[in-house]
Amino acid sequence: MSVSDLPALNAILNGTCTVLLTIGYIQIRKGNQEGHRKIMLSALFTSAAFLISYLIYHYYAGSVPYPHHDWTRPIYFAILIPHVILAALMVPFILLGVWHAFKSRFDRHKRVMRWTWPVWMFVSVTGVLVYLMLYQL
């Protein structure tokens, strides 16, 4: 695997995280706390692997400009800008939610994750969209 393969890996990791977040949500809604815990830890580790891969890629590749100067350009930036801002902002909230869960403070965990989970989903889904627009369009 080379550095040029990392954007595709990042999209796969984001897509996998989206699926795991969905399954984890379903598990807790069904009352399956153990299944929820396992799936959400998988989502957390998948997101961490994404972050590591993303940082490695951009260390070597730098910034990648959007190559198209057509009607897709404003759509791309309308997706990219909130994606980047929310991705940066959500990390401490994810860690706080996980911390509360590990300390069995489930009322606090639920309060934090009620807002964090949808943002995490948004960031995961838009990460795949950014990849598709930047590398596959």
Protein backbone atom coordinates (compact mmCIF):
# COMPACT_ATOMS: atom_id res chain seq x y z
CA MET A 1 0.00 0.00 0.00
CA SER A 2 1.27 3.45 -0.90
CA VAL A 3 0.32 6.93 0.22
CA SER A 4 -1.79 7.33 -2.93
CA ASP A 5 -4.01 4.48 -1.69
CA LEU A 6 -4.85 6.22 1.58
CA PRO A 7 -7.77 8.36 0.35
CA ALA A 8 -9.64 5.21 -0.72
CA LEU A 9 -8.78 3.57 2.61
CA ASN A 10 -10.04 6.67 4.41
CA ALA A 11 -13.35 6.50 2.54
CA ILE A 12 -13.68 2.81 3.41
CA LEU A 13 -12.98 3.58 7.07
CA ASN A 14 -15.54 6.41 7.06
CA GLY A 15 -18.13 4.19 5.37
CA THR A 16 -17.43 1.40 7.85
CA CYS A 17 -17.79 3.84 10.73
CA THR A 18 -21.17 4.96 9.36
CA VAL A 19 -22.39 1.35 9.30
CA LEU A 20 -21.05 0.67 12.79
CA LEU A 21 -22.63 3.83 14.20
CA THR A 22 -25.96 2.80 12.72
CA ILE A 23 -25.75 -0.73 14.11
CA GLY A 24 -24.65 0.59 17.51
CA TYR A 25 -27.63 2.93 17.61
CA ILE A 26 -29.97 0.08 16.73
CA GLN A 27 -28.41 -2.12 19.40
CA ILE A 28 -28.96 0.40 22.20
CA ARG A 29 -32.51 1.11 21.02
CA LYS A 30 -33.15 -2.64 21.32
CA GLY A 31 -31.71 -2.60 24.84
CA ASN A 32 -28.64 -4.65 23.92
CA GLN A 33 -26.04 -2.77 25.98
CA GLU A 34 -23.25 -5.30 25.44
CA GLY A 35 -23.78 -5.35 21.67
CA HIS A 36 -23.92 -1.56 21.67
CA ARG A 37 -20.66 -1.34 23.63
CA LYS A 38 -18.81 -3.69 21.28
CA ILE A 39 -20.06 -2.03 18.11
CA MET A 40 -19.43 1.50 19.35
CA LEU A 41 -15.88 0.60 20.41
CA SER A 42 -15.40 -0.75 16.89
CA ALA A 43 -16.68 2.58 15.52
CA LEU A 44 -14.29 4.44 17.82
CA PHE A 45 -11.28 2.39 16.69
CA THR A 46 -12.33 2.70 13.05
CA SER A 47 -12.49 6.48 13.43
CA ALA A 48 -9.09 6.49 15.14
CA ALA A 49 -7.63 4.42 12.27
CA PHE A 50 -9.16 6.91 9.84
CA LEU A 51 -7.61 9.85 11.68
CA ILE A 52 -4.16 8.26 11.67
CA SER A 53 -4.43 7.40 7.96
CA TYR A 54 -5.77 10.88 7.15
CA LEU A 55 -2.91 12.60 8.97
CA ILE A 56 -0.30 10.39 7.30
CA TYR A 57 -1.79 11.08 3.87
CA HIS A 58 -1.89 14.84 4.31
CA TYR A 59 1.61 14.88 5.82
CA TYR A 60 2.92 13.48 2.53
CA ALA A 61 0.40 14.86 0.03
CA GLY A 62 -0.34 18.23 1.58
CA SER A 63 -3.55 20.00 0.69
CA VAL A 64 -5.43 18.59 -2.28
CA PRO A 65 -7.30 21.29 -4.23
CA TYR A 66 -10.69 20.55 -5.73
CA PRO A 67 -9.92 20.03 -9.43
CA HIS A 68 -13.28 20.98 -10.94
CA HIS A 69 -14.35 24.54 -11.72
CA ASP A 70 -17.94 23.78 -12.59
CA TRP A 71 -21.33 23.61 -10.84
CA THR A 72 -20.03 20.94 -8.43
CA ARG A 73 -17.49 23.29 -6.83
CA PRO A 74 -19.91 25.17 -4.52
CA ILE A 75 -21.56 21.88 -3.57
CA TYR A 76 -18.17 20.40 -2.71
CA PHE A 77 -17.29 23.33 -0.44
CA ALA A 78 -20.78 23.33 1.10
CA ILE A 79 -20.08 19.73 2.16
CA LEU A 80 -16.37 20.13 2.97
CA ILE A 81 -16.49 23.20 5.22
CA PRO A 82 -19.01 21.90 7.80
CA HIS A 83 -17.39 18.46 7.55
CA VAL A 84 -13.96 19.81 8.56
CA ILE A 85 -15.27 22.11 11.29
CA LEU A 86 -17.51 19.47 12.86
CA ALA A 87 -14.84 16.76 12.57
CA ALA A 88 -12.44 18.89 14.59
CA LEU A 89 -15.05 19.91 17.16
CA MET A 90 -16.51 16.48 17.80
CA VAL A 91 -13.35 14.65 18.94
CA PRO A 92 -13.45 15.87 22.56
CA PHE A 93 -17.18 15.16 22.76
CA ILE A 94 -16.72 11.59 21.53
CA LEU A 95 -13.97 11.08 24.09
CA LEU A 96 -16.15 12.59 26.82
CA GLY A 97 -19.04 10.31 25.90
CA VAL A 98 -16.79 7.25 25.93
CA TRP A 99 -15.32 8.35 29.27
CA HIS A 100 -18.78 8.56 30.83
CA ALA A 101 -19.68 5.13 29.47
CA PHE A 102 -16.50 3.56 30.87
CA LYS A 103 -17.25 5.14 34.24
CA SER A 104 -20.82 3.74 34.03
CA ARG A 105 -22.28 7.24 34.13
CA PHE A 106 -24.83 6.34 31.51
CA ASP A 107 -27.08 9.33 32.14
CA ARG A 108 -24.17 11.65 31.28
CA HIS A 109 -23.08 9.39 28.42
CA LYS A 110 -26.56 9.58 26.93
CA ARG A 111 -26.72 13.36 27.36
CA VAL A 112 -23.41 13.88 25.52
CA MET A 113 -24.01 11.30 22.81
CA ARG A 114 -27.53 12.52 22.05
CA TRP A 115 -25.82 15.46 20.31
CA THR A 116 -22.51 13.86 19.38
CA TRP A 117 -23.83 10.77 17.59
CA PRO A 118 -25.65 12.67 14.80
CA VAL A 119 -22.61 14.88 14.25
CA TRP A 120 -20.37 11.81 14.12
CA MET A 121 -22.74 10.29 11.54
CA PHE A 122 -22.71 13.50 9.51
CA VAL A 123 -18.91 13.63 9.53
CA SER A 124 -18.62 9.97 8.52
CA VAL A 125 -21.11 10.25 5.66
CA THR A 126 -19.75 13.55 4.36
CA GLY A 127 -16.22 12.12 4.56
CA VAL A 128 -17.24 9.54 1.96
CA LEU A 129 -18.91 12.25 -0.14
CA VAL A 130 -15.79 14.43 -0.03
CA TYR A 131 -13.71 11.46 -1.18
CA LEU A 132 -16.10 10.66 -4.03
CA MET A 133 -16.20 14.27 -5.20
CA LEU A 134 -12.47 14.87 -4.88
CA TYR A 135 -11.12 11.58 -6.25
CA GLN A 136 -13.88 9.91 -8.25
CA LEU A 137 -15.79 12.71 -9.98
